Amino acid sequence: MSGNTFTADGVNVSVTDLIVRNGRIHVVDGVLLPSVGEIVQRAPEFSSLNAAVGAADSAPGTSPNLGPALSTPAGSGKYTLFAPSDNAFAQLASPPTGQALTNVLAYHALDLPNPVFAADALALPAPTAFATLLGSTPGNQLLVSSSMTDVLIDDSGSPFPLR
């Protein structure tokens, strides 16, 4: 709350404290959506990812800090995260640490000015490069294209389908 303005996750609360039989209602001028970081922190299938983000961010000298980046204001639509599940982490023979861990995790997050949904990607006329959180230099980009029925993500010359 700032002065007479009350917000929730950056959304204006236009009416407060409507008392009802089973609780209280606050009217908001938008839909409250969790951030990517909040989903990663709360969903049980991402406990390894959440721990890895914490380990990467707490390692000395690593950059970028992933936790704050993935917890940008809800509804900004800025990041697309290819979130490895606990099962995916369990398949790693030797998990990276330090800056190597930060690089691997940042490679899974696209830093976009506007959200791109799978349905949008199906309509891409040609492969389009998207920068990861590591930046837009070659090797830090994912090429997204369409085969008319599948969205293809390519980082090494051999695309794999994302359904």
N, C-alpha and C. Protein backbone atom coordinates (compact mmCIF):
# COMPACT_ATOMS: atom_id res chain seq x y z
N MET A 1 0.84 -1.17 0.00
CA MET A 1 0.00 0.00 0.00
C MET A 1 0.89 1.23 0.00
N SER A 2 0.56 2.17 -0.86
CA SER A 2 1.31 3.41 -0.96
C SER A 2 0.31 4.56 -0.94
N GLY A 3 0.34 5.39 0.10
CA GLY A 3 -0.66 6.47 0.22
C GLY A 3 -2.04 5.86 0.33
N ASN A 4 -2.93 6.25 -0.57
CA ASN A 4 -4.28 5.68 -0.61
C ASN A 4 -4.44 4.61 -1.67
N THR A 5 -3.31 4.21 -2.30
CA THR A 5 -3.35 3.20 -3.36
C THR A 5 -2.97 1.84 -2.78
N PHE A 6 -3.75 0.86 -3.11
CA PHE A 6 -3.50 -0.49 -2.65
C PHE A 6 -3.35 -1.36 -3.89
N THR A 7 -2.24 -2.11 -3.97
CA THR A 7 -2.02 -2.99 -5.11
C THR A 7 -1.69 -4.39 -4.62
N ALA A 8 -1.93 -5.36 -5.47
CA ALA A 8 -1.55 -6.74 -5.22
C ALA A 8 -0.82 -7.23 -6.47
N ASP A 9 0.47 -7.56 -6.34
CA ASP A 9 1.30 -7.96 -7.48
C ASP A 9 1.23 -6.94 -8.60
N GLY A 10 1.21 -5.65 -8.26
CA GLY A 10 1.18 -4.60 -9.25
C GLY A 10 -0.18 -4.30 -9.85
N VAL A 11 -1.21 -5.00 -9.40
CA VAL A 11 -2.58 -4.80 -9.90
C VAL A 11 -3.33 -3.93 -8.90
N ASN A 12 -4.00 -2.90 -9.39
CA ASN A 12 -4.75 -2.00 -8.54
C ASN A 12 -5.91 -2.72 -7.85
N VAL A 13 -6.03 -2.50 -6.54
CA VAL A 13 -7.18 -3.01 -5.78
C VAL A 13 -8.15 -1.83 -5.67
N SER A 14 -9.28 -1.95 -6.38
CA SER A 14 -10.20 -0.81 -6.48
C SER A 14 -11.21 -0.75 -5.34
N VAL A 15 -11.54 -1.88 -4.76
CA VAL A 15 -12.46 -1.92 -3.62
C VAL A 15 -11.88 -2.90 -2.61
N THR A 16 -11.85 -2.49 -1.34
CA THR A 16 -11.29 -3.37 -0.31
C THR A 16 -12.34 -3.69 0.74
N ASP A 17 -12.08 -4.77 1.44
CA ASP A 17 -12.82 -5.16 2.63
C ASP A 17 -14.32 -5.29 2.46
N LEU A 18 -14.75 -5.96 1.40
CA LEU A 18 -16.17 -6.32 1.29
C LEU A 18 -16.38 -7.54 2.16
N ILE A 19 -17.10 -7.37 3.24
CA ILE A 19 -17.32 -8.46 4.19
C ILE A 19 -18.47 -9.33 3.67
N VAL A 20 -18.19 -10.62 3.56
CA VAL A 20 -19.20 -11.59 3.14
C VAL A 20 -19.27 -12.69 4.19
N ARG A 21 -20.25 -13.53 4.05
CA ARG A 21 -20.51 -14.54 5.06
C ARG A 21 -19.30 -15.44 5.34
N ASN A 22 -18.56 -15.81 4.30
CA ASN A 22 -17.47 -16.76 4.51
C ASN A 22 -16.09 -16.16 4.27
N GLY A 23 -15.98 -14.83 4.35
CA GLY A 23 -14.66 -14.23 4.18
C GLY A 23 -14.71 -12.76 3.85
N ARG A 24 -13.78 -12.33 3.06
CA ARG A 24 -13.62 -10.93 2.71
C ARG A 24 -13.23 -10.86 1.24
N ILE A 25 -13.72 -9.87 0.52
CA ILE A 25 -13.43 -9.70 -0.90
C ILE A 25 -12.71 -8.37 -1.10
N HIS A 26 -11.68 -8.43 -1.94
CA HIS A 26 -11.00 -7.23 -2.42
C HIS A 26 -11.13 -7.27 -3.94
N VAL A 27 -11.65 -6.24 -4.55
CA VAL A 27 -11.86 -6.19 -6.00
C VAL A 27 -10.58 -5.68 -6.65
N VAL A 28 -10.04 -6.47 -7.61
CA VAL A 28 -8.82 -6.08 -8.30
C VAL A 28 -9.12 -5.78 -9.76
N ASP A 29 -8.33 -4.89 -10.35
CA ASP A 29 -8.54 -4.46 -11.73
C ASP A 29 -7.77 -5.30 -12.74
N GLY A 30 -7.40 -6.49 -12.37
CA GLY A 30 -6.68 -7.39 -13.27
C GLY A 30 -6.64 -8.77 -12.66
N VAL A 31 -6.14 -9.71 -13.44
CA VAL A 31 -6.02 -11.09 -12.98
C VAL A 31 -4.63 -11.27 -12.37
N LEU A 32 -4.57 -11.83 -11.19
CA LEU A 32 -3.30 -12.09 -10.52
C LEU A 32 -2.73 -13.41 -11.05
N LEU A 33 -1.54 -13.36 -11.60
CA LEU A 33 -0.89 -14.55 -12.15
C LEU A 33 0.44 -14.75 -11.44
N PRO A 34 0.80 -15.99 -11.15
CA PRO A 34 2.10 -16.23 -10.52
C PRO A 34 3.22 -16.00 -11.52
N SER A 35 4.41 -15.70 -11.01
CA SER A 35 5.59 -15.58 -11.86
C SER A 35 6.15 -16.96 -12.14
N VAL A 36 7.05 -17.05 -13.12
CA VAL A 36 7.73 -18.31 -13.41
C VAL A 36 8.42 -18.80 -12.14
N GLY A 37 9.09 -17.89 -11.43
CA GLY A 37 9.80 -18.27 -10.21
C GLY A 37 8.88 -18.83 -9.15
N GLU A 38 7.69 -18.26 -9.01
CA GLU A 38 6.74 -18.76 -8.01
C GLU A 38 6.28 -20.18 -8.34
N ILE A 39 6.05 -20.46 -9.61
CA ILE A 39 5.65 -21.81 -10.02
C ILE A 39 6.77 -22.80 -9.73
N VAL A 40 8.00 -22.43 -10.08
CA VAL A 40 9.14 -23.30 -9.83
C VAL A 40 9.29 -23.57 -8.34
N GLN A 41 9.06 -22.56 -7.51
CA GLN A 41 9.21 -22.73 -6.07
C GLN A 41 8.11 -23.60 -5.47
N ARG A 42 6.92 -23.57 -6.03
CA ARG A 42 5.77 -24.24 -5.40
C ARG A 42 5.46 -25.63 -5.95
N ALA A 43 5.71 -25.87 -7.23
CA ALA A 43 5.31 -27.13 -7.85
C ALA A 43 6.26 -28.25 -7.41
N PRO A 44 5.71 -29.33 -6.87
CA PRO A 44 6.57 -30.40 -6.35
C PRO A 44 7.46 -31.04 -7.41
N GLU A 45 7.05 -31.06 -8.67
CA GLU A 45 7.86 -31.69 -9.71
C GLU A 45 9.09 -30.87 -10.10
N PHE A 46 9.21 -29.66 -9.52
CA PHE A 46 10.36 -28.80 -9.80
C PHE A 46 11.22 -28.58 -8.57
N SER A 47 11.18 -29.47 -7.60
CA SER A 47 11.98 -29.26 -6.39
C SER A 47 13.48 -29.27 -6.71
N SER A 48 13.91 -30.12 -7.64
CA SER A 48 15.33 -30.15 -8.02
C SER A 48 15.71 -28.87 -8.76
N LEU A 49 14.83 -28.38 -9.63
CA LEU A 49 15.09 -27.13 -10.34
C LEU A 49 15.16 -25.97 -9.35
N ASN A 50 14.25 -25.93 -8.41
CA ASN A 50 14.26 -24.87 -7.40
C ASN A 50 15.56 -24.91 -6.59
N ALA A 51 15.99 -26.11 -6.20
CA ALA A 51 17.24 -26.24 -5.45
C ALA A 51 18.43 -25.83 -6.31
N ALA A 52 18.40 -26.18 -7.60
CA ALA A 52 19.50 -25.82 -8.50
C ALA A 52 19.59 -24.31 -8.69
N VAL A 53 18.44 -23.64 -8.84
CA VAL A 53 18.44 -22.18 -8.96
C VAL A 53 19.02 -21.55 -7.70
N GLY A 54 18.62 -22.05 -6.54
CA GLY A 54 19.17 -21.54 -5.28
C GLY A 54 20.67 -21.77 -5.17
N ALA A 55 21.13 -22.95 -5.58
CA ALA A 55 22.57 -23.26 -5.53
C ALA A 55 23.34 -22.38 -6.50
N ALA A 56 22.80 -22.20 -7.70
CA ALA A 56 23.48 -21.37 -8.70
C ALA A 56 23.58 -19.92 -8.23
N ASP A 57 22.48 -19.41 -7.69
CA ASP A 57 22.46 -18.00 -7.26
C ASP A 57 23.33 -17.76 -6.03
N SER A 58 23.54 -18.78 -5.20
CA SER A 58 24.35 -18.58 -3.99
C SER A 58 25.83 -18.88 -4.21
N ALA A 59 26.17 -19.42 -5.37
CA ALA A 59 27.59 -19.69 -5.66
C ALA A 59 28.31 -18.36 -5.89
N PRO A 60 29.48 -18.18 -5.32
CA PRO A 60 30.20 -16.91 -5.46
C PRO A 60 30.55 -16.60 -6.92
N GLY A 61 30.29 -15.36 -7.33
CA GLY A 61 30.71 -14.87 -8.63
C GLY A 61 29.90 -15.33 -9.82
N THR A 62 28.77 -15.99 -9.61
CA THR A 62 27.98 -16.47 -10.76
C THR A 62 27.06 -15.37 -11.27
N SER A 63 26.80 -15.42 -12.57
CA SER A 63 25.94 -14.43 -13.20
C SER A 63 25.31 -15.05 -14.44
N PRO A 64 24.05 -14.78 -14.72
CA PRO A 64 23.12 -13.90 -14.00
C PRO A 64 22.50 -14.63 -12.81
N ASN A 65 21.90 -13.86 -11.90
CA ASN A 65 21.13 -14.45 -10.81
C ASN A 65 19.77 -14.83 -11.37
N LEU A 66 19.45 -16.10 -11.34
CA LEU A 66 18.25 -16.62 -12.00
C LEU A 66 16.98 -16.40 -11.20
N GLY A 67 17.05 -16.57 -9.89
CA GLY A 67 15.85 -16.43 -9.06
C GLY A 67 15.16 -15.09 -9.26
N PRO A 68 15.89 -13.97 -9.11
CA PRO A 68 15.24 -12.68 -9.32
C PRO A 68 14.74 -12.50 -10.75
N ALA A 69 15.48 -12.99 -11.74
CA ALA A 69 15.05 -12.84 -13.13
C ALA A 69 13.73 -13.57 -13.37
N LEU A 70 13.59 -14.77 -12.83
CA LEU A 70 12.38 -15.56 -13.06
C LEU A 70 11.22 -15.12 -12.19
N SER A 71 11.47 -14.22 -11.25
CA SER A 71 10.41 -13.73 -10.38
C SER A 71 10.04 -12.29 -10.70
N THR A 72 10.21 -11.88 -11.96
CA THR A 72 9.78 -10.54 -12.38
C THR A 72 8.29 -10.41 -12.12
N PRO A 73 7.77 -9.21 -12.13
CA PRO A 73 6.35 -9.04 -11.81
C PRO A 73 5.45 -9.99 -12.59
N ALA A 74 4.52 -10.58 -11.88
CA ALA A 74 3.58 -11.52 -12.49
C ALA A 74 2.85 -10.86 -13.65
N GLY A 75 2.61 -11.63 -14.68
CA GLY A 75 1.86 -11.15 -15.82
C GLY A 75 2.68 -10.38 -16.83
N SER A 76 4.01 -10.23 -16.60
CA SER A 76 4.82 -9.48 -17.56
C SER A 76 5.05 -10.27 -18.84
N GLY A 77 4.93 -11.60 -18.77
CA GLY A 77 5.08 -12.44 -19.95
C GLY A 77 6.48 -12.43 -20.53
N LYS A 78 7.47 -12.05 -19.75
CA LYS A 78 8.82 -11.85 -20.26
C LYS A 78 9.57 -13.14 -20.52
N TYR A 79 9.45 -14.14 -19.70
CA TYR A 79 10.29 -15.32 -19.79
C TYR A 79 9.50 -16.55 -20.24
N THR A 80 10.18 -17.36 -21.03
CA THR A 80 9.70 -18.70 -21.35
C THR A 80 10.74 -19.64 -20.77
N LEU A 81 10.30 -20.53 -19.91
CA LEU A 81 11.22 -21.45 -19.24
C LEU A 81 10.94 -22.87 -19.70
N PHE A 82 11.97 -23.54 -20.17
CA PHE A 82 11.90 -24.98 -20.42
C PHE A 82 12.35 -25.61 -19.11
N ALA A 83 11.39 -25.97 -18.27
CA ALA A 83 11.67 -26.35 -16.88
C ALA A 83 11.96 -27.84 -16.75
N PRO A 84 13.21 -28.20 -16.47
CA PRO A 84 13.53 -29.61 -16.25
C PRO A 84 12.83 -30.12 -14.99
N SER A 85 12.20 -31.27 -15.13
CA SER A 85 11.51 -31.88 -13.99
C SER A 85 12.53 -32.56 -13.07
N ASP A 86 12.05 -33.00 -11.91
CA ASP A 86 12.92 -33.74 -11.00
C ASP A 86 13.49 -34.98 -11.69
N ASN A 87 12.66 -35.63 -12.52
CA ASN A 87 13.11 -36.81 -13.25
C ASN A 87 14.27 -36.46 -14.20
N ALA A 88 14.19 -35.31 -14.85
CA ALA A 88 15.27 -34.89 -15.75
C ALA A 88 16.57 -34.68 -14.96
N PHE A 89 16.49 -34.04 -13.80
CA PHE A 89 17.68 -33.84 -12.99
C PHE A 89 18.26 -35.16 -12.50
N ALA A 90 17.38 -36.12 -12.20
CA ALA A 90 17.83 -37.42 -11.71
C ALA A 90 18.66 -38.16 -12.76
N GLN A 91 18.48 -37.82 -14.03
CA GLN A 91 19.21 -38.49 -15.11
C GLN A 91 20.62 -37.94 -15.32
N LEU A 92 20.94 -36.82 -14.66
CA LEU A 92 22.29 -36.26 -14.78
C LEU A 92 23.29 -37.13 -14.03
N ALA A 93 24.31 -37.59 -14.72
CA ALA A 93 25.33 -38.40 -14.07
C ALA A 93 26.17 -37.56 -13.12
N SER A 94 26.51 -36.36 -13.56
CA SER A 94 27.34 -35.47 -12.77
C SER A 94 26.81 -34.05 -12.90
N PRO A 95 25.94 -33.62 -11.98
CA PRO A 95 25.35 -32.28 -12.08
C PRO A 95 26.42 -31.19 -12.02
N PRO A 96 26.29 -30.16 -12.86
CA PRO A 96 27.26 -29.06 -12.82
C PRO A 96 27.10 -28.24 -11.55
N THR A 97 28.12 -27.44 -11.25
CA THR A 97 28.08 -26.55 -10.09
C THR A 97 28.58 -25.18 -10.52
N GLY A 98 28.43 -24.20 -9.64
CA GLY A 98 28.95 -22.86 -9.86
C GLY A 98 28.44 -22.23 -11.14
N GLN A 99 29.34 -21.56 -11.88
CA GLN A 99 28.96 -20.86 -13.10
C GLN A 99 28.45 -21.83 -14.16
N ALA A 100 28.98 -23.04 -14.20
CA ALA A 100 28.50 -24.04 -15.17
C ALA A 100 27.02 -24.36 -14.91
N LEU A 101 26.62 -24.46 -13.64
CA LEU A 101 25.22 -24.70 -13.32
C LEU A 101 24.37 -23.50 -13.73
N THR A 102 24.85 -22.30 -13.44
CA THR A 102 24.13 -21.09 -13.85
C THR A 102 23.93 -21.07 -15.36
N ASN A 103 24.98 -21.40 -16.11
CA ASN A 103 24.89 -21.41 -17.57
C ASN A 103 23.86 -22.42 -18.08
N VAL A 104 23.87 -23.60 -17.50
CA VAL A 104 22.91 -24.63 -17.92
C VAL A 104 21.49 -24.17 -17.64
N LEU A 105 21.25 -23.64 -16.46
CA LEU A 105 19.90 -23.19 -16.10
C LEU A 105 19.47 -21.99 -16.95
N ALA A 106 20.38 -21.04 -17.15
CA ALA A 106 20.04 -19.86 -17.95
C ALA A 106 19.74 -20.24 -19.39
N TYR A 107 20.34 -21.31 -19.86
CA TYR A 107 20.12 -21.78 -21.22
C TYR A 107 18.68 -22.29 -21.40
N HIS A 108 18.03 -22.64 -20.31
CA HIS A 108 16.65 -23.12 -20.34
C HIS A 108 15.62 -22.00 -20.33
N ALA A 109 16.05 -20.76 -20.17
CA ALA A 109 15.12 -19.63 -20.05
C ALA A 109 15.33 -18.67 -21.21
N LEU A 110 14.26 -18.41 -21.96
CA LEU A 110 14.30 -17.44 -23.03
C LEU A 110 13.87 -16.09 -22.47
N ASP A 111 14.61 -15.07 -22.82
CA ASP A 111 14.35 -13.70 -22.37
C ASP A 111 13.68 -12.98 -23.53
N LEU A 112 12.36 -12.84 -23.47
CA LEU A 112 11.58 -12.34 -24.60
C LEU A 112 10.91 -11.01 -24.28
N PRO A 113 10.84 -10.11 -25.27
CA PRO A 113 10.10 -8.87 -25.05
C PRO A 113 8.59 -9.11 -24.97
N ASN A 114 8.12 -10.14 -25.65
CA ASN A 114 6.70 -10.50 -25.65
C ASN A 114 6.59 -12.01 -25.57
N PRO A 115 5.52 -12.53 -24.97
CA PRO A 115 5.39 -13.98 -24.87
C PRO A 115 5.20 -14.61 -26.24
N VAL A 116 5.77 -15.79 -26.40
CA VAL A 116 5.56 -16.59 -27.60
C VAL A 116 4.96 -17.92 -27.15
N PHE A 117 3.76 -18.17 -27.59
CA PHE A 117 3.07 -19.41 -27.23
C PHE A 117 3.35 -20.46 -28.30
N ALA A 118 3.19 -21.73 -27.95
CA ALA A 118 3.42 -22.81 -28.90
C ALA A 118 2.58 -22.60 -30.15
N ALA A 119 1.34 -22.17 -30.00
CA ALA A 119 0.48 -21.94 -31.16
C ALA A 119 1.06 -20.85 -32.06
N ASP A 120 1.68 -19.81 -31.46
CA ASP A 120 2.33 -18.76 -32.24
C ASP A 120 3.53 -19.32 -32.99
N ALA A 121 4.28 -20.18 -32.30
CA ALA A 121 5.48 -20.75 -32.91
C ALA A 121 5.12 -21.63 -34.11
N LEU A 122 3.96 -22.27 -34.08
CA LEU A 122 3.53 -23.08 -35.22
C LEU A 122 3.37 -22.24 -36.48
N ALA A 123 3.12 -20.94 -36.31
CA ALA A 123 2.92 -20.05 -37.45
C ALA A 123 4.19 -19.34 -37.91
N LEU A 124 5.33 -19.63 -37.27
CA LEU A 124 6.56 -18.97 -37.68
C LEU A 124 6.90 -19.34 -39.12
N PRO A 125 7.14 -18.34 -39.99
CA PRO A 125 7.43 -18.66 -41.39
C PRO A 125 8.84 -19.20 -41.60
N ALA A 126 9.75 -18.90 -40.69
CA ALA A 126 11.13 -19.36 -40.81
C ALA A 126 11.70 -19.51 -39.41
N PRO A 127 12.79 -20.27 -39.27
CA PRO A 127 13.39 -20.38 -37.94
C PRO A 127 13.71 -18.99 -37.38
N THR A 128 13.39 -18.82 -36.11
CA THR A 128 13.59 -17.54 -35.44
C THR A 128 14.48 -17.77 -34.22
N ALA A 129 15.51 -16.95 -34.06
CA ALA A 129 16.44 -17.08 -32.94
C ALA A 129 15.89 -16.32 -31.74
N PHE A 130 15.94 -16.95 -30.60
CA PHE A 130 15.53 -16.32 -29.34
C PHE A 130 16.71 -16.41 -28.38
N ALA A 131 17.01 -15.29 -27.72
CA ALA A 131 18.13 -15.24 -26.78
C ALA A 131 17.74 -15.93 -25.48
N THR A 132 18.68 -16.67 -24.92
CA THR A 132 18.50 -17.22 -23.58
C THR A 132 18.91 -16.15 -22.57
N LEU A 133 18.78 -16.45 -21.31
CA LEU A 133 19.20 -15.49 -20.28
C LEU A 133 20.70 -15.21 -20.34
N LEU A 134 21.43 -16.05 -21.05
CA LEU A 134 22.87 -15.82 -21.19
C LEU A 134 23.18 -14.76 -22.24
N GLY A 135 22.20 -14.36 -23.04
CA GLY A 135 22.42 -13.33 -24.05
C GLY A 135 22.16 -13.85 -25.45
N SER A 136 22.44 -13.00 -26.42
CA SER A 136 22.07 -13.33 -27.80
C SER A 136 23.26 -13.72 -28.67
N THR A 137 24.42 -13.98 -28.09
CA THR A 137 25.55 -14.41 -28.90
C THR A 137 25.34 -15.85 -29.35
N PRO A 138 25.94 -16.25 -30.49
CA PRO A 138 25.79 -17.64 -30.94
C PRO A 138 26.17 -18.59 -29.81
N GLY A 139 25.43 -19.64 -29.68
CA GLY A 139 25.62 -20.57 -28.58
C GLY A 139 24.75 -20.25 -27.38
N ASN A 140 24.18 -19.06 -27.35
CA ASN A 140 23.26 -18.66 -26.29
C ASN A 140 21.89 -18.37 -26.86
N GLN A 141 21.59 -18.98 -27.99
CA GLN A 141 20.30 -18.78 -28.64
C GLN A 141 19.67 -20.14 -28.91
N LEU A 142 18.37 -20.15 -28.96
CA LEU A 142 17.63 -21.32 -29.42
C LEU A 142 16.88 -20.90 -30.67
N LEU A 143 16.95 -21.74 -31.71
CA LEU A 143 16.19 -21.49 -32.92
C LEU A 143 14.85 -22.19 -32.80
N VAL A 144 13.77 -21.45 -33.00
CA VAL A 144 12.43 -22.00 -32.92
C VAL A 144 11.84 -21.96 -34.32
N SER A 145 11.31 -23.08 -34.76
CA SER A 145 10.68 -23.15 -36.07
C SER A 145 9.51 -24.11 -36.00
N SER A 146 8.83 -24.28 -37.13
CA SER A 146 7.64 -25.10 -37.18
C SER A 146 7.73 -26.09 -38.33
N SER A 147 7.20 -27.28 -38.09
CA SER A 147 7.09 -28.26 -39.17
C SER A 147 5.63 -28.41 -39.58
N MET A 148 4.83 -27.41 -39.30
CA MET A 148 3.39 -27.36 -39.55
C MET A 148 2.59 -28.11 -38.49
N THR A 149 3.16 -29.13 -37.86
CA THR A 149 2.45 -29.86 -36.81
C THR A 149 3.20 -29.85 -35.49
N ASP A 150 4.49 -29.58 -35.53
CA ASP A 150 5.32 -29.56 -34.33
C ASP A 150 6.08 -28.25 -34.24
N VAL A 151 6.35 -27.83 -33.03
CA VAL A 151 7.27 -26.73 -32.79
C VAL A 151 8.63 -27.38 -32.59
N LEU A 152 9.63 -26.86 -33.29
CA LEU A 152 10.97 -27.43 -33.21
C LEU A 152 11.91 -26.45 -32.53
N ILE A 153 12.67 -26.97 -31.57
CA ILE A 153 13.67 -26.18 -30.86
C ILE A 153 15.02 -26.74 -31.28
N ASP A 154 15.93 -25.89 -31.74
CA ASP A 154 17.19 -26.36 -32.29
C ASP A 154 18.32 -25.53 -31.69
N ASP A 155 19.29 -26.21 -31.09
CA ASP A 155 20.47 -25.49 -30.60
C ASP A 155 21.75 -26.06 -31.17
N SER A 156 21.66 -27.15 -31.95
CA SER A 156 22.90 -27.80 -32.39
C SER A 156 22.83 -28.33 -33.81
N GLY A 157 21.87 -27.91 -34.57
CA GLY A 157 21.74 -28.40 -35.93
C GLY A 157 20.86 -29.64 -36.04
N SER A 158 20.43 -30.19 -34.91
CA SER A 158 19.53 -31.34 -34.97
C SER A 158 18.29 -31.02 -34.15
N PRO A 159 17.25 -30.49 -34.79
CA PRO A 159 16.06 -30.06 -34.06
C PRO A 159 15.34 -31.24 -33.38
N PHE A 160 14.74 -30.91 -32.26
CA PHE A 160 13.91 -31.91 -31.59
C PHE A 160 12.53 -31.30 -31.38
N PRO A 161 11.46 -32.12 -31.48
CA PRO A 161 10.11 -31.56 -31.38
C PRO A 161 9.73 -31.24 -29.95
N LEU A 162 8.97 -30.18 -29.80
CA LEU A 162 8.38 -29.79 -28.52
C LEU A 162 6.88 -29.85 -28.72
N ARG A 163 6.22 -30.73 -28.06
CA ARG A 163 4.77 -30.89 -28.22
C ARG A 163 4.06 -30.40 -27.00
